Structure formats: structure tokens, C-alpha cells
Amino acid sequence: MIKIRKEIMVTSVIGSVAYLEGAMITAAIPYISLQLNISELCASLLLTLFALVSSFLFIPFYLIEEKRGIKKLLF
């Protein structure tokens, strides 16, 4: 039972960090573009690249959930 609770906690933390990371990069993109001296187009492409990489990183977590099953993770 404790092992399942740890898995739920780890999964929740990973999801929260991923969400906050996306929100922070969106808020920080104007400062990043100023520091790197890039145009708005390049900054938006950077944001798009970040979103694509994040999307591809969610695939392994989805596969783990499919293998373990949602019932085993939650109950």
C-alpha cells in the first residue's frame, strides 16, 4: 500500500513540475528573447520546439501507465 502511495506522489509531482515548467517558459520567453537577442519569430519557434519536446517526453510516461494500469496506480 505504501509503495502505491509513493508512486502516486511521484506521478503527481512529475505532472505538477511539467505543468509549471510550461507556464514558466511562457512567462519567461520575452526575457529569454532579450537576453539571446533574437526576434519574436525565433522566440515563438523556440516555444514551439519546447512544446514538441515536452509532448514527446510524455510518451514514455503514457507507456508506463498503460503497462502498469491506472487501477494499480490509483487504488
C-alpha atoms as a PDB file:
ATOM      1  CA  MET A   1       0.000   0.000   0.000  1.00  0.00           C
ATOM      2  CA  ILE A   2       2.830   2.411   0.842  1.00  0.00           C
ATOM      3  CA  LYS A   3       4.534   1.616  -2.469  1.00  0.00           C
ATOM      4  CA  ILE A   4       1.400   2.593  -4.385  1.00  0.00           C
ATOM      5  CA  ARG A   5       1.137   5.854  -2.449  1.00  0.00           C
ATOM      6  CA  LYS A   6       4.755   6.654  -3.320  1.00  0.00           C
ATOM      7  CA  GLU A   7       4.020   6.013  -6.998  1.00  0.00           C
ATOM      8  CA  ILE A   8       1.002   8.300  -6.858  1.00  0.00           C
ATOM      9  CA  MET A   9       3.065  11.010  -5.171  1.00  0.00           C
ATOM     10  CA  VAL A  10       5.886  10.716  -7.717  1.00  0.00           C
ATOM     11  CA  THR A  11       3.428  10.804 -10.608  1.00  0.00           C
ATOM     12  CA  SER A  12       1.691  13.858  -9.147  1.00  0.00           C
ATOM     13  CA  VAL A  13       4.966  15.701  -8.611  1.00  0.00           C
ATOM     14  CA  ILE A  14       6.132  14.943 -12.159  1.00  0.00           C
ATOM     15  CA  GLY A  15       2.841  16.191 -13.580  1.00  0.00           C
ATOM     16  CA  SER A  16       2.946  19.348 -11.484  1.00  0.00           C
ATOM     17  CA  VAL A  17       6.529  20.121 -12.448  1.00  0.00           C
ATOM     18  CA  ALA A  18       5.739  19.586 -16.122  1.00  0.00           C
ATOM     19  CA  TYR A  19       2.773  21.967 -15.893  1.00  0.00           C
ATOM     20  CA  LEU A  20       4.744  24.629 -14.018  1.00  0.00           C
ATOM     21  CA  GLU A  21       7.650  24.289 -16.419  1.00  0.00           C
ATOM     22  CA  GLY A  22       5.357  25.039 -19.350  1.00  0.00           C
ATOM     23  CA  ALA A  23       3.860  28.025 -17.567  1.00  0.00           C
ATOM     24  CA  MET A  24       7.267  29.404 -16.590  1.00  0.00           C
ATOM     25  CA  ILE A  25       8.737  29.137 -20.085  1.00  0.00           C
ATOM     26  CA  THR A  26       5.748  31.036 -21.475  1.00  0.00           C
ATOM     27  CA  ALA A  27       6.224  33.825 -18.942  1.00  0.00           C
ATOM     28  CA  ALA A  28       9.997  33.898 -19.424  1.00  0.00           C
ATOM     29  CA  ILE A  29      10.092  33.929 -23.238  1.00  0.00           C
ATOM     30  CA  PRO A  30      10.264  37.758 -23.521  1.00  0.00           C
ATOM     31  CA  TYR A  31      13.275  37.853 -21.192  1.00  0.00           C
ATOM     32  CA  ILE A  32      14.906  34.940 -22.979  1.00  0.00           C
ATOM     33  CA  SER A  33      14.483  36.657 -26.343  1.00  0.00           C
ATOM     34  CA  LEU A  34      16.034  39.852 -24.967  1.00  0.00           C
ATOM     35  CA  GLN A  35      18.990  38.003 -23.442  1.00  0.00           C
ATOM     36  CA  LEU A  36      19.629  35.965 -26.580  1.00  0.00           C
ATOM     37  CA  ASN A  37      18.930  38.966 -28.821  1.00  0.00           C
ATOM     38  CA  ILE A  38      16.517  37.039 -31.040  1.00  0.00           C
ATOM     39  CA  SER A  39      13.410  38.173 -32.892  1.00  0.00           C
ATOM     40  CA  GLU A  40       9.827  37.426 -31.884  1.00  0.00           C
ATOM     41  CA  LEU A  41       9.620  34.826 -34.642  1.00  0.00           C
ATOM     42  CA  CYS A  42      12.649  32.958 -33.304  1.00  0.00           C
ATOM     43  CA  ALA A  43      11.251  33.198 -29.783  1.00  0.00           C
ATOM     44  CA  SER A  44       7.943  31.694 -30.898  1.00  0.00           C
ATOM     45  CA  LEU A  45       9.821  28.933 -32.727  1.00  0.00           C
ATOM     46  CA  LEU A  46      11.756  28.269 -29.525  1.00  0.00           C
ATOM     47  CA  LEU A  47       8.482  27.978 -27.633  1.00  0.00           C
ATOM     48  CA  THR A  48       7.094  25.619 -30.288  1.00  0.00           C
ATOM     49  CA  LEU A  49      10.211  23.462 -30.082  1.00  0.00           C
ATOM     50  CA  PHE A  50       9.851  23.310 -26.300  1.00  0.00           C
ATOM     51  CA  ALA A  51       6.216  22.209 -26.650  1.00  0.00           C
ATOM     52  CA  LEU A  52       7.144  19.486 -29.141  1.00  0.00           C
ATOM     53  CA  VAL A  53       9.924  18.105 -26.957  1.00  0.00           C
ATOM     54  CA  SER A  54       7.621  18.138 -23.927  1.00  0.00           C
ATOM     55  CA  SER A  55       4.965  16.282 -25.900  1.00  0.00           C
ATOM     56  CA  PHE A  56       7.413  13.588 -26.939  1.00  0.00           C
ATOM     57  CA  LEU A  57       8.607  13.188 -23.359  1.00  0.00           C
ATOM     58  CA  PHE A  58       5.074  12.406 -22.204  1.00  0.00           C
ATOM     59  CA  ILE A  59       5.033   9.264 -24.369  1.00  0.00           C
ATOM     60  CA  PRO A  60       7.231   7.172 -22.012  1.00  0.00           C
ATOM     61  CA  PHE A  61       5.037   8.101 -19.043  1.00  0.00           C
ATOM     62  CA  TYR A  62       1.952   7.106 -21.013  1.00  0.00           C
ATOM     63  CA  LEU A  63       3.533   3.743 -21.843  1.00  0.00           C
ATOM     64  CA  ILE A  64       4.361   3.144 -18.174  1.00  0.00           C
ATOM     65  CA  GLU A  65       0.765   3.903 -17.242  1.00  0.00           C
ATOM     66  CA  GLU A  66      -0.502   1.552 -19.943  1.00  0.00           C
ATOM     67  CA  LYS A  67       1.789  -1.221 -18.720  1.00  0.00           C
ATOM     68  CA  ARG A  68       1.000  -0.799 -15.020  1.00  0.00           C
ATOM     69  CA  GLY A  69      -2.658   0.116 -15.382  1.00  0.00           C
ATOM     70  CA  ILE A  70      -4.458   3.076 -13.898  1.00  0.00           C
ATOM     71  CA  LYS A  71      -6.162   0.924 -11.250  1.00  0.00           C
ATOM     72  CA  LYS A  72      -2.804  -0.234  -9.876  1.00  0.00           C
ATOM     73  CA  LEU A  73      -1.560   3.331  -9.686  1.00  0.00           C
ATOM     74  CA  LEU A  74      -4.630   4.813  -8.028  1.00  0.00           C
ATOM     75  CA  PHE A  75      -6.042   2.016  -5.866  1.00  0.00           C
END
